[in-house]
PDB file of all heavy atoms in Angstrom:
ATOM      1  N   ALA A   1      12.352  -9.361  -0.729  1.00  0.00           N
ATOM      2  CA  ALA A   1      12.092 -10.462  -1.659  1.00  0.00           C
ATOM      3  C   ALA A   1      12.143 -11.809  -0.939  1.00  0.00           C
ATOM      4  O   ALA A   1      11.266 -12.668  -1.147  1.00  0.00           O
ATOM      5  CB  ALA A   1      13.101 -10.435  -2.815  1.00  0.00           C
ATOM      6  N   ARG A   2      13.130 -11.991  -0.091  1.00  0.00           N
ATOM      7  CA  ARG A   2      13.203 -13.240   0.681  1.00  0.00           C
ATOM      8  C   ARG A   2      11.999 -13.403   1.591  1.00  0.00           C
ATOM      9  O   ARG A   2      11.422 -14.478   1.682  1.00  0.00           O
ATOM     10  CB  ARG A   2      14.492 -13.273   1.511  1.00  0.00           C
ATOM     11  CG  ARG A   2      15.729 -13.642   0.721  1.00  0.00           C
ATOM     12  CD  ARG A   2      16.925 -13.893   1.629  1.00  0.00           C
ATOM     13  NE  ARG A   2      17.275 -12.740   2.455  1.00  0.00           N
ATOM     14  CZ  ARG A   2      18.034 -11.715   2.053  1.00  0.00           C
ATOM     15  NH1 ARG A   2      18.542 -11.716   0.828  1.00  0.00           N
ATOM     16  NH2 ARG A   2      18.318 -10.728   2.869  1.00  0.00           N
ATOM     17  N   ARG A   3      11.616 -12.334   2.263  1.00  0.00           N
ATOM     18  CA  ARG A   3      10.494 -12.396   3.209  1.00  0.00           C
ATOM     19  C   ARG A   3       9.197 -12.805   2.527  1.00  0.00           C
ATOM     20  O   ARG A   3       8.385 -13.530   3.099  1.00  0.00           O
ATOM     21  CB  ARG A   3      10.333 -11.046   3.890  1.00  0.00           C
ATOM     22  CG  ARG A   3       9.238 -11.017   4.928  1.00  0.00           C
ATOM     23  CD  ARG A   3       9.201  -9.690   5.627  1.00  0.00           C
ATOM     24  NE  ARG A   3       8.216  -9.725   6.691  1.00  0.00           N
ATOM     25  CZ  ARG A   3       7.949  -8.715   7.453  1.00  0.00           C
ATOM     26  NH1 ARG A   3       8.586  -7.577   7.297  1.00  0.00           N
ATOM     27  NH2 ARG A   3       7.037  -8.814   8.394  1.00  0.00           N
ATOM     28  N   TYR A   4       8.973 -12.340   1.309  1.00  0.00           N
ATOM     29  CA  TYR A   4       7.705 -12.595   0.615  1.00  0.00           C
ATOM     30  C   TYR A   4       7.850 -13.530  -0.579  1.00  0.00           C
ATOM     31  O   TYR A   4       6.975 -13.579  -1.437  1.00  0.00           O
ATOM     32  CB  TYR A   4       7.065 -11.268   0.198  1.00  0.00           C
ATOM     33  CG  TYR A   4       6.670 -10.458   1.404  1.00  0.00           C
ATOM     34  CD1 TYR A   4       7.420  -9.362   1.803  1.00  0.00           C
ATOM     35  CD2 TYR A   4       5.553 -10.811   2.164  1.00  0.00           C
ATOM     36  CE1 TYR A   4       7.062  -8.625   2.923  1.00  0.00           C
ATOM     37  CE2 TYR A   4       5.190 -10.080   3.283  1.00  0.00           C
ATOM     38  CZ  TYR A   4       5.954  -8.995   3.658  1.00  0.00           C
ATOM     39  OH  TYR A   4       5.594  -8.279   4.775  1.00  0.00           O
ATOM     40  N   ALA A   5       8.926 -14.277  -0.628  1.00  0.00           N
ATOM     41  CA  ALA A   5       9.160 -15.279  -1.671  1.00  0.00           C
ATOM     42  C   ALA A   5       9.069 -14.684  -3.075  1.00  0.00           C
ATOM     43  O   ALA A   5       8.437 -15.239  -3.971  1.00  0.00           O
ATOM     44  CB  ALA A   5       8.191 -16.450  -1.508  1.00  0.00           C
ATOM     45  N   LEU A   6       9.722 -13.543  -3.262  1.00  0.00           N
ATOM     46  CA  LEU A   6       9.781 -12.897  -4.573  1.00  0.00           C
ATOM     47  C   LEU A   6      11.175 -13.104  -5.150  1.00  0.00           C
ATOM     48  O   LEU A   6      12.105 -13.510  -4.449  1.00  0.00           O
ATOM     49  CB  LEU A   6       9.460 -11.407  -4.432  1.00  0.00           C
ATOM     50  CG  LEU A   6       8.057 -11.103  -3.893  1.00  0.00           C
ATOM     51  CD1 LEU A   6       7.933  -9.625  -3.543  1.00  0.00           C
ATOM     52  CD2 LEU A   6       6.986 -11.502  -4.893  1.00  0.00           C
ATOM     53  N   ASP A   7      11.330 -12.811  -6.420  1.00  0.00           N
ATOM     54  CA  ASP A   7      12.606 -12.994  -7.105  1.00  0.00           C
ATOM     55  C   ASP A   7      13.574 -11.871  -6.713  1.00  0.00           C
ATOM     56  O   ASP A   7      13.357 -10.716  -7.072  1.00  0.00           O
ATOM     57  CB  ASP A   7      12.364 -12.985  -8.618  1.00  0.00           C
ATOM     58  CG  ASP A   7      13.624 -13.219  -9.425  1.00  0.00           C
ATOM     59  OD1 ASP A   7      14.725 -13.307  -8.843  1.00  0.00           O
ATOM     60  OD2 ASP A   7      13.498 -13.317 -10.663  1.00  0.00           O
ATOM     61  N   PRO A   8      14.656 -12.188  -5.989  1.00  0.00           N
ATOM     62  CA  PRO A   8      15.601 -11.146  -5.578  1.00  0.00           C
ATOM     63  C   PRO A   8      16.276 -10.440  -6.747  1.00  0.00           C
ATOM     64  O   PRO A   8      16.741  -9.318  -6.607  1.00  0.00           O
ATOM     65  CB  PRO A   8      16.643 -11.898  -4.731  1.00  0.00           C
ATOM     66  CG  PRO A   8      16.038 -13.209  -4.406  1.00  0.00           C
ATOM     67  CD  PRO A   8      15.016 -13.505  -5.457  1.00  0.00           C
ATOM     68  N   ALA A   9      16.315 -11.087  -7.901  1.00  0.00           N
ATOM     69  CA  ALA A   9      16.963 -10.489  -9.075  1.00  0.00           C
ATOM     70  C   ALA A   9      16.025  -9.567  -9.851  1.00  0.00           C
ATOM     71  O   ALA A   9      16.462  -8.878 -10.766  1.00  0.00           O
ATOM     72  CB  ALA A   9      17.475 -11.595  -9.999  1.00  0.00           C
ATOM     73  N   ARG A  10      14.752  -9.564  -9.515  1.00  0.00           N
ATOM     74  CA  ARG A  10      13.768  -8.762 -10.267  1.00  0.00           C
ATOM     75  C   ARG A  10      12.957  -7.886  -9.297  1.00  0.00           C
ATOM     76  O   ARG A  10      11.873  -8.258  -8.866  1.00  0.00           O
ATOM     77  CB  ARG A  10      12.829  -9.688 -11.031  1.00  0.00           C
ATOM     78  CG  ARG A  10      11.889  -8.948 -11.941  1.00  0.00           C
ATOM     79  CD  ARG A  10      11.016  -9.918 -12.743  1.00  0.00           C
ATOM     80  NE  ARG A  10       9.867  -9.200 -13.245  1.00  0.00           N
ATOM     81  CZ  ARG A  10       8.669  -9.207 -12.694  1.00  0.00           C
ATOM     82  NH1 ARG A  10       8.429  -9.928 -11.637  1.00  0.00           N
ATOM     83  NH2 ARG A  10       7.693  -8.512 -13.204  1.00  0.00           N
ATOM     84  N   PRO A  11      13.508  -6.712  -8.935  1.00  0.00           N
ATOM     85  CA  PRO A  11      12.775  -5.852  -8.003  1.00  0.00           C
ATOM     86  C   PRO A  11      11.465  -5.343  -8.607  1.00  0.00           C
ATOM     87  O   PRO A  11      11.408  -4.976  -9.782  1.00  0.00           O
ATOM     88  CB  PRO A  11      13.729  -4.701  -7.730  1.00  0.00           C
ATOM     89  CG  PRO A  11      14.831  -4.819  -8.706  1.00  0.00           C
ATOM     90  CD  PRO A  11      14.765  -6.147  -9.354  1.00  0.00           C
ATOM     91  N   VAL A  12      10.429  -5.359  -7.798  1.00  0.00           N
ATOM     92  CA  VAL A  12       9.135  -4.830  -8.204  1.00  0.00           C
ATOM     93  C   VAL A  12       8.620  -3.909  -7.105  1.00  0.00           C
ATOM     94  O   VAL A  12       9.106  -3.939  -5.972  1.00  0.00           O
ATOM     95  CB  VAL A  12       8.098  -5.952  -8.479  1.00  0.00           C
ATOM     96  CG1 VAL A  12       8.487  -6.774  -9.686  1.00  0.00           C
ATOM     97  CG2 VAL A  12       7.900  -6.825  -7.263  1.00  0.00           C
ATOM     98  N   GLN A  13       7.645  -3.096  -7.446  1.00  0.00           N
ATOM     99  CA  GLN A  13       7.020  -2.212  -6.478  1.00  0.00           C
ATOM    100  C   GLN A  13       5.555  -2.045  -6.833  1.00  0.00           C
ATOM    101  O   GLN A  13       5.143  -2.329  -7.957  1.00  0.00           O
ATOM    102  CB  GLN A  13       7.734  -0.857  -6.433  1.00  0.00           C
ATOM    103  CG  GLN A  13       7.672  -0.095  -7.748  1.00  0.00           C
ATOM    104  CD  GLN A  13       8.545   1.145  -7.713  1.00  0.00           C
ATOM    105  OE1 GLN A  13       9.510   1.233  -6.966  1.00  0.00           O
ATOM    106  NE2 GLN A  13       8.211   2.114  -8.526  1.00  0.00           N
ATOM    107  N   TRP A  14       4.792  -1.599  -5.868  1.00  0.00           N
ATOM    108  CA  TRP A  14       3.374  -1.358  -6.051  1.00  0.00           C
ATOM    109  C   TRP A  14       3.096   0.060  -5.602  1.00  0.00           C
ATOM    110  O   TRP A  14       3.565   0.493  -4.553  1.00  0.00           O
ATOM    111  CB  TRP A  14       2.550  -2.344  -5.223  1.00  0.00           C
ATOM    112  CG  TRP A  14       2.794  -3.749  -5.637  1.00  0.00           C
ATOM    113  CD1 TRP A  14       2.093  -4.456  -6.561  1.00  0.00           C
ATOM    114  CD2 TRP A  14       3.809  -4.626  -5.153  1.00  0.00           C
ATOM    115  NE1 TRP A  14       2.617  -5.721  -6.692  1.00  0.00           N
ATOM    116  CE2 TRP A  14       3.673  -5.852  -5.828  1.00  0.00           C
ATOM    117  CE3 TRP A  14       4.837  -4.516  -4.219  1.00  0.00           C
ATOM    118  CZ2 TRP A  14       4.507  -6.942  -5.598  1.00  0.00           C
ATOM    119  CZ3 TRP A  14       5.667  -5.583  -3.991  1.00  0.00           C
ATOM    120  CH2 TRP A  14       5.496  -6.783  -4.679  1.00  0.00           C
ATOM    121  N   GLU A  15       2.338   0.784  -6.386  1.00  0.00           N
ATOM    122  CA  GLU A  15       2.071   2.190  -6.100  1.00  0.00           C
ATOM    123  C   GLU A  15       0.705   2.355  -5.454  1.00  0.00           C
ATOM    124  O   GLU A  15      -0.296   1.827  -5.945  1.00  0.00           O
ATOM    125  CB  GLU A  15       2.126   3.019  -7.390  1.00  0.00           C
ATOM    126  CG  GLU A  15       3.450   2.934  -8.124  1.00  0.00           C
ATOM    127  CD  GLU A  15       4.602   3.569  -7.349  1.00  0.00           C
ATOM    128  OE1 GLU A  15       4.354   4.481  -6.535  1.00  0.00           O
ATOM    129  OE2 GLU A  15       5.744   3.141  -7.560  1.00  0.00           O
ATOM    130  N   VAL A  16       0.658   3.108  -4.370  1.00  0.00           N
ATOM    131  CA  VAL A  16      -0.599   3.370  -3.680  1.00  0.00           C
ATOM    132  C   VAL A  16      -1.567   4.127  -4.605  1.00  0.00           C
ATOM    133  O   VAL A  16      -2.774   3.993  -4.488  1.00  0.00           O
ATOM    134  CB  VAL A  16      -0.350   4.123  -2.352  1.00  0.00           C
ATOM    135  CG1 VAL A  16       0.122   5.534  -2.597  1.00  0.00           C
ATOM    136  CG2 VAL A  16      -1.573   4.096  -1.480  1.00  0.00           C
ATOM    137  N   GLU A  17      -1.033   4.857  -5.564  1.00  0.00           N
ATOM    138  CA  GLU A  17      -1.871   5.611  -6.497  1.00  0.00           C
ATOM    139  C   GLU A  17      -2.707   4.704  -7.391  1.00  0.00           C
ATOM    140  O   GLU A  17      -3.625   5.150  -8.063  1.00  0.00           O
ATOM    141  CB  GLU A  17      -1.019   6.534  -7.371  1.00  0.00           C
ATOM    142  CG  GLU A  17      -0.352   7.654  -6.619  1.00  0.00           C
ATOM    143  CD  GLU A  17       0.994   7.243  -6.015  1.00  0.00           C
ATOM    144  OE1 GLU A  17       1.438   6.086  -6.197  1.00  0.00           O
ATOM    145  OE2 GLU A  17       1.600   8.086  -5.344  1.00  0.00           O
ATOM    146  N   ALA A  18      -2.387   3.397  -7.416  1.00  0.00           N
ATOM    147  CA  ALA A  18      -3.167   2.457  -8.227  1.00  0.00           C
ATOM    148  C   ALA A  18      -4.520   2.151  -7.579  1.00  0.00           C
ATOM    149  O   ALA A  18      -5.402   1.608  -8.238  1.00  0.00           O
ATOM    150  CB  ALA A  18      -2.385   1.161  -8.436  1.00  0.00           C
ATOM    151  N   LEU A  19      -4.691   2.502  -6.318  1.00  0.00           N
ATOM    152  CA  LEU A  19      -5.987   2.309  -5.664  1.00  0.00           C
ATOM    153  C   LEU A  19      -6.992   3.308  -6.211  1.00  0.00           C
ATOM    154  O   LEU A  19      -6.636   4.409  -6.636  1.00  0.00           O
ATOM    155  CB  LEU A  19      -5.859   2.525  -4.151  1.00  0.00           C
ATOM    156  CG  LEU A  19      -5.106   1.469  -3.371  1.00  0.00           C
ATOM    157  CD1 LEU A  19      -4.867   1.958  -1.943  1.00  0.00           C
ATOM    158  CD2 LEU A  19      -5.874   0.164  -3.354  1.00  0.00           C
ATOM    159  N   GLU A  20      -8.261   2.932  -6.161  1.00  0.00           N
ATOM    160  CA  GLU A  20      -9.317   3.880  -6.524  1.00  0.00           C
ATOM    161  C   GLU A  20      -9.252   5.053  -5.549  1.00  0.00           C
ATOM    162  O   GLU A  20      -9.054   4.840  -4.336  1.00  0.00           O
ATOM    163  CB  GLU A  20     -10.692   3.207  -6.440  1.00  0.00           C
ATOM    164  CG  GLU A  20     -10.926   2.166  -7.513  1.00  0.00           C
ATOM    165  CD  GLU A  20     -10.985   2.772  -8.900  1.00  0.00           C
ATOM    166  OE1 GLU A  20     -11.500   3.902  -9.055  1.00  0.00           O
ATOM    167  OE2 GLU A  20     -10.492   2.125  -9.843  1.00  0.00           O
ATOM    168  N   PRO A  21      -9.429   6.285  -6.014  1.00  0.00           N
ATOM    169  CA  PRO A  21      -9.324   7.451  -5.116  1.00  0.00           C
ATOM    170  C   PRO A  21     -10.233   7.364  -3.882  1.00  0.00           C
ATOM    171  O   PRO A  21      -9.800   7.709  -2.778  1.00  0.00           O
ATOM    172  CB  PRO A  21      -9.713   8.631  -6.008  1.00  0.00           C
ATOM    173  CG  PRO A  21      -9.358   8.170  -7.385  1.00  0.00           C
ATOM    174  CD  PRO A  21      -9.634   6.688  -7.407  1.00  0.00           C
ATOM    175  N   ASP A  22     -11.462   6.895  -4.062  1.00  0.00           N
ATOM    176  CA  ASP A  22     -12.367   6.794  -2.907  1.00  0.00           C
ATOM    177  C   ASP A  22     -11.848   5.794  -1.878  1.00  0.00           C
ATOM    178  O   ASP A  22     -11.966   6.009  -0.666  1.00  0.00           O
ATOM    179  CB  ASP A  22     -13.771   6.398  -3.349  1.00  0.00           C
ATOM    180  CG  ASP A  22     -14.491   7.507  -4.091  1.00  0.00           C
ATOM    181  OD1 ASP A  22     -14.049   8.676  -3.997  1.00  0.00           O
ATOM    182  OD2 ASP A  22     -15.509   7.215  -4.760  1.00  0.00           O
ATOM    183  N   GLU A  23     -11.258   4.692  -2.344  1.00  0.00           N
ATOM    184  CA  GLU A  23     -10.723   3.694  -1.424  1.00  0.00           C
ATOM    185  C   GLU A  23      -9.469   4.217  -0.731  1.00  0.00           C
ATOM    186  O   GLU A  23      -9.281   4.002   0.468  1.00  0.00           O
ATOM    187  CB  GLU A  23     -10.422   2.383  -2.159  1.00  0.00           C
ATOM    188  CG  GLU A  23      -9.917   1.285  -1.266  1.00  0.00           C
ATOM    189  CD  GLU A  23     -10.904   0.834  -0.192  1.00  0.00           C
ATOM    190  OE1 GLU A  23     -12.071   1.290  -0.164  1.00  0.00           O
ATOM    191  OE2 GLU A  23     -10.501   0.026   0.653  1.00  0.00           O
ATOM    192  N   LEU A  24      -8.632   4.918  -1.465  1.00  0.00           N
ATOM    193  CA  LEU A  24      -7.442   5.516  -0.872  1.00  0.00           C
ATOM    194  C   LEU A  24      -7.847   6.507   0.226  1.00  0.00           C
ATOM    195  O   LEU A  24      -7.292   6.483   1.329  1.00  0.00           O
ATOM    196  CB  LEU A  24      -6.607   6.212  -1.948  1.00  0.00           C
ATOM    197  CG  LEU A  24      -5.346   6.931  -1.488  1.00  0.00           C
ATOM    198  CD1 LEU A  24      -4.403   5.993  -0.764  1.00  0.00           C
ATOM    199  CD2 LEU A  24      -4.659   7.575  -2.681  1.00  0.00           C
ATOM    200  N   GLN A  25      -8.828   7.341  -0.058  1.00  0.00           N
ATOM    201  CA  GLN A  25      -9.315   8.297   0.943  1.00  0.00           C
ATOM    202  C   GLN A  25      -9.865   7.561   2.172  1.00  0.00           C
ATOM    203  O   GLN A  25      -9.584   7.926   3.302  1.00  0.00           O
ATOM    204  CB  GLN A  25     -10.386   9.201   0.352  1.00  0.00           C
ATOM    205  CG  GLN A  25     -10.918  10.212   1.352  1.00  0.00           C
ATOM    206  CD  GLN A  25     -11.989  11.111   0.771  1.00  0.00           C
ATOM    207  OE1 GLN A  25     -12.558  10.822  -0.279  1.00  0.00           O
ATOM    208  NE2 GLN A  25     -12.274  12.192   1.446  1.00  0.00           N
ATOM    209  N   ARG A  26     -10.621   6.511   1.954  1.00  0.00           N
ATOM    210  CA  ARG A  26     -11.196   5.749   3.065  1.00  0.00           C
ATOM    211  C   ARG A  26     -10.092   5.166   3.944  1.00  0.00           C
ATOM    212  O   ARG A  26     -10.148   5.250   5.174  1.00  0.00           O
ATOM    213  CB  ARG A  26     -12.095   4.621   2.531  1.00  0.00           C
ATOM    214  CG  ARG A  26     -12.846   3.877   3.634  1.00  0.00           C
ATOM    215  CD  ARG A  26     -13.494   2.607   3.118  1.00  0.00           C
ATOM    216  NE  ARG A  26     -12.535   1.558   2.795  1.00  0.00           N
ATOM    217  CZ  ARG A  26     -11.872   0.830   3.708  1.00  0.00           C
ATOM    218  NH1 ARG A  26     -12.049   1.043   4.983  1.00  0.00           N
ATOM    219  NH2 ARG A  26     -11.011  -0.108   3.321  1.00  0.00           N
ATOM    220  N   LEU A  27      -9.067   4.592   3.324  1.00  0.00           N
ATOM    221  CA  LEU A  27      -7.966   3.999   4.080  1.00  0.00           C
ATOM    222  C   LEU A  27      -7.193   5.042   4.886  1.00  0.00           C
ATOM    223  O   LEU A  27      -6.844   4.815   6.051  1.00  0.00           O
ATOM    224  CB  LEU A  27      -7.015   3.254   3.136  1.00  0.00           C
ATOM    225  CG  LEU A  27      -7.564   1.972   2.518  1.00  0.00           C
ATOM    226  CD1 LEU A  27      -6.643   1.486   1.415  1.00  0.00           C
ATOM    227  CD2 LEU A  27      -7.779   0.912   3.570  1.00  0.00           C
ATOM    228  N   VAL A  28      -6.931   6.182   4.282  1.00  0.00           N
ATOM    229  CA  VAL A  28      -6.193   7.236   4.987  1.00  0.00           C
ATOM    230  C   VAL A  28      -7.009   7.760   6.167  1.00  0.00           C
ATOM    231  O   VAL A  28      -6.503   7.900   7.282  1.00  0.00           O
ATOM    232  CB  VAL A  28      -5.797   8.385   4.031  1.00  0.00           C
ATOM    233  CG1 VAL A  28      -5.254   9.576   4.800  1.00  0.00           C
ATOM    234  CG2 VAL A  28      -4.779   7.898   3.012  1.00  0.00           C
ATOM    235  N   LEU A  29      -8.292   8.042   5.938  1.00  0.00           N
ATOM    236  CA  LEU A  29      -9.134   8.549   7.032  1.00  0.00           C
ATOM    237  C   LEU A  29      -9.266   7.532   8.156  1.00  0.00           C
ATOM    238  O   LEU A  29      -9.241   7.886   9.337  1.00  0.00           O
ATOM    239  CB  LEU A  29     -10.507   8.961   6.500  1.00  0.00           C
ATOM    240  CG  LEU A  29     -10.505  10.194   5.589  1.00  0.00           C
ATOM    241  CD1 LEU A  29     -11.908  10.445   5.027  1.00  0.00           C
ATOM    242  CD2 LEU A  29      -9.975  11.414   6.318  1.00  0.00           C
ATOM    243  N   ALA A  30      -9.395   6.260   7.809  1.00  0.00           N
ATOM    244  CA  ALA A  30      -9.488   5.217   8.833  1.00  0.00           C
ATOM    245  C   ALA A  30      -8.187   5.118   9.631  1.00  0.00           C
ATOM    246  O   ALA A  30      -8.210   4.888  10.845  1.00  0.00           O
ATOM    247  CB  ALA A  30      -9.821   3.870   8.191  1.00  0.00           C
ATOM    248  N   ALA A  31      -7.057   5.310   8.989  1.00  0.00           N
ATOM    249  CA  ALA A  31      -5.767   5.229   9.667  1.00  0.00           C
ATOM    250  C   ALA A  31      -5.537   6.427  10.590  1.00  0.00           C
ATOM    251  O   ALA A  31      -4.940   6.293  11.654  1.00  0.00           O
ATOM    252  CB  ALA A  31      -4.642   5.140   8.640  1.00  0.00           C
ATOM    253  N   VAL A  32      -6.025   7.579  10.209  1.00  0.00           N
ATOM    254  CA  VAL A  32      -5.819   8.798  10.986  1.00  0.00           C
ATOM    255  C   VAL A  32      -6.837   8.921  12.122  1.00  0.00           C
ATOM    256  O   VAL A  32      -6.533   9.476  13.176  1.00  0.00           O
ATOM    257  CB  VAL A  32      -5.898  10.032  10.053  1.00  0.00           C
ATOM    258  CG1 VAL A  32      -5.910  11.331  10.832  1.00  0.00           C
ATOM    259  CG2 VAL A  32      -4.733  10.014   9.064  1.00  0.00           C
ATOM    260  N   ASP A  33      -8.014   8.375  11.937  1.00  0.00           N
ATOM    261  CA  ASP A  33      -9.117   8.553  12.884  1.00  0.00           C
ATOM    262  C   ASP A  33      -8.756   8.292  14.345  1.00  0.00           C
ATOM    263  O   ASP A  33      -9.129   9.083  15.210  1.00  0.00           O
ATOM    264  CB  ASP A  33     -10.315   7.695  12.465  1.00  0.00           C
ATOM    265  CG  ASP A  33     -11.527   7.977  13.327  1.00  0.00           C
ATOM    266  OD1 ASP A  33     -12.052   9.107  13.246  1.00  0.00           O
ATOM    267  OD2 ASP A  33     -11.928   7.070  14.093  1.00  0.00           O
ATOM    268  N   PRO A  34      -8.037   7.217  14.676  1.00  0.00           N
ATOM    269  CA  PRO A  34      -7.737   6.979  16.094  1.00  0.00           C
ATOM    270  C   PRO A  34      -6.887   8.069  16.751  1.00  0.00           C
ATOM    271  O   PRO A  34      -6.841   8.163  17.964  1.00  0.00           O
ATOM    272  CB  PRO A  34      -6.960   5.656  16.089  1.00  0.00           C
ATOM    273  CG  PRO A  34      -7.254   5.020  14.792  1.00  0.00           C
ATOM    274  CD  PRO A  34      -7.556   6.127  13.830  1.00  0.00           C
ATOM    275  N   TYR A  35      -6.228   8.903  15.963  1.00  0.00           N
ATOM    276  CA  TYR A  35      -5.334   9.920  16.496  1.00  0.00           C
ATOM    277  C   TYR A  35      -5.974  11.301  16.563  1.00  0.00           C
ATOM    278  O   TYR A  35      -5.327  12.252  16.991  1.00  0.00           O
ATOM    279  CB  TYR A  35      -4.058   9.977  15.650  1.00  0.00           C
ATOM    280  CG  TYR A  35      -3.396   8.638  15.553  1.00  0.00           C
ATOM    281  CD1 TYR A  35      -3.495   7.865  14.399  1.00  0.00           C
ATOM    282  CD2 TYR A  35      -2.697   8.111  16.630  1.00  0.00           C
ATOM    283  CE1 TYR A  35      -2.894   6.619  14.319  1.00  0.00           C
ATOM    284  CE2 TYR A  35      -2.096   6.863  16.562  1.00  0.00           C
ATOM    285  CZ  TYR A  35      -2.205   6.130  15.402  1.00  0.00           C
ATOM    286  OH  TYR A  35      -1.614   4.897  15.324  1.00  0.00           O
ATOM    287  N   VAL A  36      -7.216  11.419  16.129  1.00  0.00           N
ATOM    288  CA  VAL A  36      -7.884  12.715  16.103  1.00  0.00           C
ATOM    289  C   VAL A  36      -8.401  13.048  17.498  1.00  0.00           C
ATOM    290  O   VAL A  36      -9.143  12.271  18.097  1.00  0.00           O
ATOM    291  CB  VAL A  36      -9.046  12.716  15.087  1.00  0.00           C
ATOM    292  CG1 VAL A  36      -9.838  14.015  15.161  1.00  0.00           C
ATOM    293  CG2 VAL A  36      -8.511  12.497  13.677  1.00  0.00           C
TER     294      VAL A  36
END
């Protein structure tokens, strides 16, 4: 919260599942590609 100027008293989170499935797949494949 301090690092990103958020309210330390109000924890929040963001879920990767909120991404569109096609975009999530694209991001995962792009991240893995250099290691193949």
